[in-house]
Protein backbone atom coordinates (compact mmCIF):
# COMPACT_ATOMS: atom_id res chain seq x y z
CA GLN A 1 21.24 24.84 -72.19
CA VAL A 2 20.14 27.84 -70.70
CA GLN A 3 19.03 31.09 -72.97
CA LEU A 4 19.29 34.75 -71.75
CA VAL A 5 17.17 37.55 -73.31
CA GLU A 6 17.78 40.86 -72.01
CA SER A 7 15.76 43.98 -72.79
CA GLY A 8 15.18 47.65 -71.14
CA GLY A 9 18.85 49.40 -72.30
CA GLY A 10 18.77 52.80 -73.54
CA LEU A 11 19.60 56.62 -73.60
CA VAL A 12 18.88 58.13 -70.35
CA GLN A 13 20.10 61.39 -69.07
CA PRO A 14 22.07 61.96 -65.74
CA GLY A 15 19.95 61.09 -63.06
CA GLY A 16 17.49 59.50 -64.64
CA SER A 17 16.21 55.84 -64.31
CA LEU A 18 16.01 52.60 -66.30
CA ARG A 19 15.09 49.01 -65.78
CA LEU A 20 16.53 46.13 -67.18
CA SER A 21 15.09 42.69 -67.53
CA CYS A 22 16.68 39.50 -68.14
CA ALA A 23 14.28 36.34 -69.17
CA ALA A 24 16.15 32.87 -68.79
CA SER A 25 14.53 29.88 -70.39
CA GLY A 26 15.94 26.27 -71.08
CA SER A 27 17.19 23.86 -68.56
CA ILE A 28 17.00 26.27 -65.32
CA PHE A 29 17.93 24.64 -61.96
CA ARG A 30 16.09 25.83 -59.17
CA ALA A 31 19.09 26.66 -57.39
CA ASN A 32 20.82 29.17 -59.20
CA VAL A 33 22.35 32.54 -59.21
CA MET A 34 21.56 35.42 -61.65
CA GLY A 35 22.94 38.84 -62.20
CA TRP A 36 24.28 41.72 -64.03
CA TYR A 37 27.63 42.67 -65.19
CA ARG A 38 28.62 45.39 -67.20
CA GLN A 39 31.56 46.32 -69.72
CA ALA A 40 32.64 49.78 -70.45
CA PRO A 41 34.75 50.40 -73.77
CA GLY A 42 38.30 49.67 -72.75
CA LYS A 43 37.67 47.97 -69.43
CA GLN A 44 37.14 44.80 -68.07
CA ARG A 45 33.74 43.44 -67.35
CA GLU A 46 32.76 43.68 -63.98
CA LEU A 47 29.65 42.49 -61.52
CA VAL A 48 26.93 44.97 -60.89
CA ALA A 49 24.70 42.79 -58.79
CA ASN A 50 23.49 39.30 -58.18
CA ILE A 51 20.73 37.68 -56.74
CA LEU A 52 20.64 33.84 -55.45
CA SER A 53 17.23 31.84 -56.13
CA GLY A 54 16.47 32.31 -52.39
CA GLY A 55 16.62 36.09 -52.67
CA PHE A 56 19.75 36.87 -51.20
CA THR A 57 21.59 40.03 -52.84
CA ASN A 58 25.06 41.29 -53.58
CA TYR A 59 25.69 44.77 -54.80
CA ALA A 60 29.27 46.21 -56.26
CA ASP A 61 30.06 49.20 -53.86
CA PHE A 62 29.54 51.69 -56.83
CA VAL A 63 26.15 50.93 -57.35
CA LYS A 64 24.82 50.38 -53.65
CA GLY A 65 21.91 52.82 -52.81
CA ARG A 66 21.34 53.54 -56.48
CA PHE A 67 20.51 50.08 -58.15
CA THR A 68 18.06 47.28 -56.88
CA ILE A 69 18.16 43.78 -58.38
CA SER A 70 15.06 41.69 -57.96
CA ARG A 71 13.85 38.48 -59.39
CA ASP A 72 10.30 36.61 -60.37
CA ASN A 73 11.30 33.07 -59.82
CA ALA A 74 8.29 31.51 -61.24
CA LYS A 75 9.07 33.74 -64.47
CA ASN A 76 12.69 33.00 -64.52
CA THR A 77 13.33 36.63 -64.74
CA VAL A 78 15.54 38.84 -63.14
CA TYR A 79 15.31 42.42 -63.06
CA LEU A 80 17.64 45.67 -62.19
CA GLN A 81 16.21 48.83 -61.34
CA MET A 82 18.74 51.68 -62.11
CA ASN A 83 18.22 55.07 -60.34
CA SER A 84 20.31 58.26 -60.17
CA LEU A 85 22.47 57.01 -63.38
CA LYS A 86 25.71 58.65 -64.11
CA PRO A 87 27.58 59.08 -67.12
CA GLU A 88 30.45 56.47 -65.59
CA ASP A 89 27.30 53.83 -65.82
CA SER A 90 27.30 54.02 -69.23
CA ALA A 91 28.15 50.29 -70.60
CA VAL A 92 26.81 47.05 -72.19
CA TYR A 93 24.92 45.35 -69.29
CA TYR A 94 25.24 41.43 -69.53
CA CYS A 95 22.72 39.24 -67.61
CA ASN A 96 24.34 36.08 -66.44
CA TYR A 97 22.97 32.44 -64.86
CA LYS A 98 25.02 30.33 -62.88
CA SER A 99 24.09 26.99 -61.07
CA ARG A 100 25.74 23.64 -59.68
CA GLY A 101 29.32 25.14 -59.93
CA ILE A 102 29.54 24.43 -63.76
CA ASP A 103 26.73 26.37 -65.49
CA ASP A 104 27.74 29.49 -66.64
CA TYR A 105 25.48 31.51 -69.47
CA TRP A 106 25.71 34.93 -70.52
CA GLY A 107 23.00 37.27 -72.40
CA GLN A 108 23.70 39.20 -75.92
CA GLY A 109 24.20 42.54 -73.86
CA THR A 110 22.01 45.42 -74.04
CA GLN A 111 23.46 49.11 -74.24
CA VAL A 112 23.13 51.57 -71.54
CA THR A 113 24.02 55.25 -72.26
CA VAL A 114 23.90 57.89 -69.73
CA SER A 115 24.47 61.16 -71.42
CA SER A 116 22.76 64.95 -71.88
């Protein structure tokens, strides 16, 4: 079992920044993928960005140049730095952990609201 605890969501004005954190604990395998997904009301959950344990990153087109994903393997923590936020970025953001092709865990979600 893997537990994921997210933090850092909140209300921010358009153009502002937020930093999300997700700490993983439990049966962590060294080779894993951690990432962030988001789900807005009435929409499907979508990938925002993910990062392999070796550091390779992958971003959705709609966040390229604005968001940066990073991780601290010693702390089993992944971060999402979100800059130049837009109202359409408002959603519940979920942390995800995958490993071994069979492990797939989700955090409880953190609300991000971009509004003036």
